[in-house]
């Protein structure tokens, strides 16, 4: 599976999400510049701790995403979106 260039990271603490946005938004990875921002929360329990990441390199793995973002706090879940047709 190759990434579509989008992913989500959910933090336990909203302050960690803010720190990740402030530090990683605009970071250059390979030939891409990533955009990190708050995602629309799906429940009150993750309000302001759910991040949307776009512009990920297509070769980025789930493990690499977690390594990059885990520096900023404890991650509840993360996911890289993958094209279901092409894998």
C-alpha atoms as a PDB file:
ATOM      1  CA  UNK A   1       0.000   0.000   0.000  1.00  0.00           C
ATOM      2  CA  UNK A   2       1.122   3.446  -0.909  1.00  0.00           C
ATOM      3  CA  UNK A   3      -0.014   6.508   0.987  1.00  0.00           C
ATOM      4  CA  UNK A   4      -2.422   8.951  -0.598  1.00  0.00           C
ATOM      5  CA  UNK A   5      -0.402  11.646   1.138  1.00  0.00           C
ATOM      6  CA  UNK A   6      -2.911  12.091   3.988  1.00  0.00           C
ATOM      7  CA  UNK A   7      -2.989  10.874   7.560  1.00  0.00           C
ATOM      8  CA  UNK A   8      -4.449  11.405  11.002  1.00  0.00           C
ATOM      9  CA  UNK A   9      -2.803  11.514  14.415  1.00  0.00           C
ATOM     10  CA  UNK A  10      -4.820  11.515  17.666  1.00  0.00           C
ATOM     11  CA  UNK A  11      -3.119  12.682  20.859  1.00  0.00           C
ATOM     12  CA  UNK A  12      -4.171  12.149  24.454  1.00  0.00           C
ATOM     13  CA  UNK A  13      -3.420  15.765  25.413  1.00  0.00           C
ATOM     14  CA  UNK A  14      -4.600  18.688  23.250  1.00  0.00           C
ATOM     15  CA  UNK A  15      -1.424  20.588  24.202  1.00  0.00           C
ATOM     16  CA  UNK A  16       0.625  17.893  22.456  1.00  0.00           C
ATOM     17  CA  UNK A  17      -1.461  18.308  19.313  1.00  0.00           C
ATOM     18  CA  UNK A  18      -0.861  22.066  19.404  1.00  0.00           C
ATOM     19  CA  UNK A  19       2.874  21.511  19.880  1.00  0.00           C
ATOM     20  CA  UNK A  20       2.978  19.120  16.896  1.00  0.00           C
ATOM     21  CA  UNK A  21       1.132  21.632  14.704  1.00  0.00           C
ATOM     22  CA  UNK A  22       3.434  24.487  15.717  1.00  0.00           C
ATOM     23  CA  UNK A  23       6.553  22.422  15.097  1.00  0.00           C
ATOM     24  CA  UNK A  24       5.704  20.190  12.120  1.00  0.00           C
ATOM     25  CA  UNK A  25       3.367  22.276   9.967  1.00  0.00           C
ATOM     26  CA  UNK A  26       5.341  23.237   6.862  1.00  0.00           C
ATOM     27  CA  UNK A  27       8.077  20.642   7.456  1.00  0.00           C
ATOM     28  CA  UNK A  28       9.729  19.419   4.278  1.00  0.00           C
ATOM     29  CA  UNK A  29       9.801  15.596   3.966  1.00  0.00           C
ATOM     30  CA  UNK A  30      11.546  14.262   0.882  1.00  0.00           C
ATOM     31  CA  UNK A  31       9.999  16.347  -1.918  1.00  0.00           C
ATOM     32  CA  UNK A  32       6.815  17.244  -0.012  1.00  0.00           C
ATOM     33  CA  UNK A  33       5.898  19.994   2.438  1.00  0.00           C
ATOM     34  CA  UNK A  34       3.434  18.666   4.992  1.00  0.00           C
ATOM     35  CA  UNK A  35       0.439  20.557   6.357  1.00  0.00           C
ATOM     36  CA  UNK A  36      -0.587  19.752   9.925  1.00  0.00           C
ATOM     37  CA  UNK A  37      -3.841  21.091  11.339  1.00  0.00           C
ATOM     38  CA  UNK A  38      -6.733  20.158  13.606  1.00  0.00           C
ATOM     39  CA  UNK A  39      -9.159  17.668  12.126  1.00  0.00           C
ATOM     40  CA  UNK A  40     -12.873  17.854  12.706  1.00  0.00           C
ATOM     41  CA  UNK A  41     -13.341  15.992  15.974  1.00  0.00           C
ATOM     42  CA  UNK A  42     -15.508  12.897  15.870  1.00  0.00           C
ATOM     43  CA  UNK A  43     -16.270  13.068  19.589  1.00  0.00           C
ATOM     44  CA  UNK A  44     -15.821  15.387  22.542  1.00  0.00           C
ATOM     45  CA  UNK A  45     -13.202  13.041  24.028  1.00  0.00           C
ATOM     46  CA  UNK A  46     -10.681  13.861  21.274  1.00  0.00           C
ATOM     47  CA  UNK A  47     -11.606  17.487  20.703  1.00  0.00           C
ATOM     48  CA  UNK A  48      -8.520  19.534  19.747  1.00  0.00           C
ATOM     49  CA  UNK A  49      -6.261  16.485  19.864  1.00  0.00           C
ATOM     50  CA  UNK A  50      -7.115  15.010  16.445  1.00  0.00           C
ATOM     51  CA  UNK A  51      -4.739  16.172  13.702  1.00  0.00           C
ATOM     52  CA  UNK A  52      -5.053  15.998   9.936  1.00  0.00           C
ATOM     53  CA  UNK A  53      -1.754  15.736   8.052  1.00  0.00           C
ATOM     54  CA  UNK A  54      -1.555  16.290   4.301  1.00  0.00           C
ATOM     55  CA  UNK A  55       1.307  16.256   1.842  1.00  0.00           C
ATOM     56  CA  UNK A  56       2.923  13.133   3.254  1.00  0.00           C
ATOM     57  CA  UNK A  57       5.396  11.426   0.923  1.00  0.00           C
ATOM     58  CA  UNK A  58       3.701   8.479  -0.768  1.00  0.00           C
ATOM     59  CA  UNK A  59       6.451   6.209   0.549  1.00  0.00           C
ATOM     60  CA  UNK A  60       5.867   7.167   4.204  1.00  0.00           C
ATOM     61  CA  UNK A  61       4.985   4.229   6.437  1.00  0.00           C
ATOM     62  CA  UNK A  62       2.728   4.090   9.480  1.00  0.00           C
ATOM     63  CA  UNK A  63       5.795   3.510  11.659  1.00  0.00           C
ATOM     64  CA  UNK A  64       7.566   6.580  10.243  1.00  0.00           C
ATOM     65  CA  UNK A  65       4.488   8.746  10.829  1.00  0.00           C
ATOM     66  CA  UNK A  66       4.293   7.616  14.448  1.00  0.00           C
ATOM     67  CA  UNK A  67       8.033   8.131  14.993  1.00  0.00           C
ATOM     68  CA  UNK A  68       7.785  11.698  13.667  1.00  0.00           C
ATOM     69  CA  UNK A  69       4.743  12.666  15.760  1.00  0.00           C
ATOM     70  CA  UNK A  70       5.488  10.688  18.943  1.00  0.00           C
ATOM     71  CA  UNK A  71       8.162  13.245  19.845  1.00  0.00           C
ATOM     72  CA  UNK A  72       5.321  15.645  20.723  1.00  0.00           C
ATOM     73  CA  UNK A  73       3.237  13.490  23.032  1.00  0.00           C
ATOM     74  CA  UNK A  74       1.422  10.212  23.516  1.00  0.00           C
ATOM     75  CA  UNK A  75      -0.457   9.111  20.422  1.00  0.00           C
ATOM     76  CA  UNK A  76      -3.802   7.377  20.841  1.00  0.00           C
ATOM     77  CA  UNK A  77      -4.119   6.315  17.184  1.00  0.00           C
ATOM     78  CA  UNK A  78      -2.664   7.224  13.830  1.00  0.00           C
ATOM     79  CA  UNK A  79      -3.523   6.252  10.298  1.00  0.00           C
ATOM     80  CA  UNK A  80      -2.208   6.862   6.807  1.00  0.00           C
ATOM     81  CA  UNK A  81      -4.914   6.796   4.163  1.00  0.00           C
ATOM     82  CA  UNK A  82      -4.246   4.339   1.337  1.00  0.00           C
ATOM     83  CA  UNK A  83      -5.977   4.018  -2.024  1.00  0.00           C
ATOM     84  CA  UNK A  84      -8.253   0.971  -1.620  1.00  0.00           C
ATOM     85  CA  UNK A  85      -8.281   0.223  -5.362  1.00  0.00           C
ATOM     86  CA  UNK A  86      -4.543   0.297  -6.054  1.00  0.00           C
ATOM     87  CA  UNK A  87      -3.372  -0.549  -2.520  1.00  0.00           C
END
